Amino acid sequence: MLIYLANQPGAVTAGQIARDMQIGSGGVANMLNILEKKGYVSRSMSLHDRRSVVVAISEEGREVVAEKRREVRNTTAAILSELGEADTRELVRIMGRLIEITDRRICAQESTDEKECT
């Protein structure tokens, strides 16, 4: 959820988080309570709708996300180094095919024109 919030241009409602992440409102509320206690997010009343609460990631939350991204990048680099150049190229080729297949399947589900997805 922190990564989701870090990628938003501004504050979002809990309802928007639930819809976008496909999580129930209770699960979102529980996670926000935990993140707020840790100081990673803040909640405030919406300026546009006083009935609504908006959530924003804090600077500390952004730092946590940045650190996790560094960890993933470093771990990935170490794994690829161990794989070697030939296996890494094969992995990239296979990942490219998986993306093509996934994109085509998503297009087919969303489109009424099958030719559009080839």
Protein backbone atom coordinates (compact mmCIF):
# COMPACT_ATOMS: atom_id res chain seq x y z
CA MET A 1 0.00 0.00 0.00
CA LEU A 2 2.93 2.33 0.66
CA ILE A 3 4.21 1.84 -2.88
CA TYR A 4 0.72 2.57 -4.19
CA LEU A 5 0.59 5.79 -2.16
CA ALA A 6 4.12 6.78 -3.21
CA ASN A 7 3.04 6.49 -6.86
CA GLN A 8 0.02 8.78 -6.43
CA PRO A 9 0.32 12.45 -7.43
CA GLY A 10 -1.37 13.49 -4.18
CA ALA A 11 -3.62 12.36 -1.37
CA VAL A 12 -6.29 9.74 -2.12
CA THR A 13 -9.38 8.49 -0.33
CA ALA A 14 -9.51 5.14 1.43
CA GLY A 15 -12.27 4.18 -1.00
CA GLN A 16 -10.01 4.90 -3.94
CA ILE A 17 -7.28 2.74 -2.38
CA ALA A 18 -9.78 -0.10 -1.88
CA ARG A 19 -10.98 0.11 -5.50
CA ASP A 20 -7.56 0.44 -7.09
CA MET A 21 -5.93 -2.27 -4.99
CA GLN A 22 -9.03 -4.49 -4.94
CA ILE A 23 -9.02 -4.75 -1.14
CA GLY A 24 -12.05 -4.57 1.13
CA SER A 25 -12.64 -1.35 3.06
CA GLY A 26 -11.99 -3.12 6.37
CA GLY A 27 -8.61 -4.36 5.16
CA VAL A 28 -7.70 -0.88 3.96
CA ALA A 29 -8.72 0.64 7.31
CA ASN A 30 -6.66 -1.91 9.25
CA MET A 31 -3.58 -1.35 7.08
CA LEU A 32 -3.93 2.43 7.29
CA ASN A 33 -4.15 2.21 11.09
CA ILE A 34 -0.86 0.30 11.17
CA LEU A 35 0.86 2.61 8.69
CA GLU A 36 -0.38 5.71 10.52
CA LYS A 37 0.92 4.42 13.88
CA LYS A 38 4.33 3.92 12.27
CA GLY A 39 4.24 7.46 10.90
CA TYR A 40 4.25 6.34 7.26
CA VAL A 41 0.93 7.95 6.30
CA SER A 42 -1.32 10.75 7.47
CA ARG A 43 -5.07 11.13 7.23
CA SER A 44 -6.98 14.36 6.99
CA MET A 45 -10.44 15.61 6.08
CA SER A 46 -11.00 16.13 2.38
CA LEU A 47 -11.14 19.75 1.29
CA HIS A 48 -13.74 18.81 -1.35
CA ASP A 49 -15.99 16.55 0.73
CA ARG A 50 -16.08 16.95 4.51
CA ARG A 51 -17.50 13.43 4.86
CA SER A 52 -14.41 11.95 3.24
CA VAL A 53 -10.93 11.34 4.64
CA VAL A 54 -7.87 11.49 2.42
CA VAL A 55 -4.62 9.63 2.93
CA ALA A 56 -1.15 10.83 2.02
CA ILE A 57 2.23 9.18 2.38
CA SER A 58 4.60 10.92 4.79
CA GLU A 59 8.25 11.70 4.13
CA GLU A 60 9.16 8.78 6.41
CA GLY A 61 6.88 6.54 4.34
CA ARG A 62 8.61 7.71 1.15
CA GLU A 63 11.98 6.88 2.71
CA VAL A 64 10.78 3.35 3.55
CA VAL A 65 9.61 2.86 -0.05
CA ALA A 66 12.92 4.19 -1.42
CA GLU A 67 14.90 1.82 0.83
CA LYS A 68 12.78 -1.19 -0.22
CA ARG A 69 13.27 -0.26 -3.87
CA ARG A 70 17.06 -0.10 -3.31
CA GLU A 71 16.96 -3.52 -1.64
CA VAL A 72 15.02 -5.04 -4.56
CA ARG A 73 17.38 -3.44 -7.09
CA ASN A 74 20.47 -4.73 -5.25
CA THR A 75 19.04 -8.23 -4.82
CA THR A 76 18.02 -8.36 -8.49
CA ALA A 77 21.49 -7.24 -9.59
CA ALA A 78 23.11 -9.92 -7.43
CA ILE A 79 20.83 -12.65 -8.82
CA LEU A 80 21.40 -11.58 -12.42
CA SER A 81 25.14 -11.50 -11.79
CA GLU A 82 24.98 -15.08 -10.52
CA LEU A 83 22.91 -16.16 -13.53
CA GLY A 84 25.52 -14.95 -15.95
CA GLU A 85 25.11 -13.16 -19.25
CA ALA A 86 23.67 -16.00 -21.35
CA ASP A 87 21.00 -17.01 -18.82
CA THR A 88 20.13 -13.37 -18.16
CA ARG A 89 19.55 -12.81 -21.88
CA GLU A 90 17.31 -15.89 -21.96
CA LEU A 91 15.40 -14.65 -18.93
CA VAL A 92 14.85 -11.26 -20.58
CA ARG A 93 13.65 -13.01 -23.76
CA ILE A 94 11.18 -15.17 -21.83
CA MET A 95 9.94 -12.21 -19.77
CA GLY A 96 9.34 -10.32 -23.01
CA ARG A 97 7.22 -13.20 -24.32
CA LEU A 98 5.26 -13.35 -21.07
CA ILE A 99 4.50 -9.64 -21.38
CA GLU A 100 3.34 -10.09 -25.00
CA ILE A 101 1.05 -12.98 -24.07
CA THR A 102 -0.34 -11.17 -21.03
CA ASP A 103 -0.98 -7.98 -23.01
CA ARG A 104 -2.73 -9.95 -25.73
CA ARG A 105 -4.95 -11.77 -23.21
CA ILE A 106 -5.87 -8.54 -21.43
CA CYS A 107 -6.67 -6.88 -24.73
CA ALA A 108 -8.86 -9.82 -25.75
CA GLN A 109 -10.81 -9.53 -22.48
CA GLU A 110 -11.30 -5.79 -22.84
CA SER A 111 -11.85 -5.50 -26.59
CA THR A 112 -14.71 -6.51 -28.85
CA ASP A 113 -12.40 -6.48 -31.90
CA GLU A 114 -10.15 -9.57 -31.88
CA LYS A 115 -7.97 -8.19 -34.72
CA GLU A 116 -7.04 -5.25 -32.51
CA CYS A 117 -5.20 -7.61 -30.12
CA THR A 118 -2.86 -9.38 -32.53
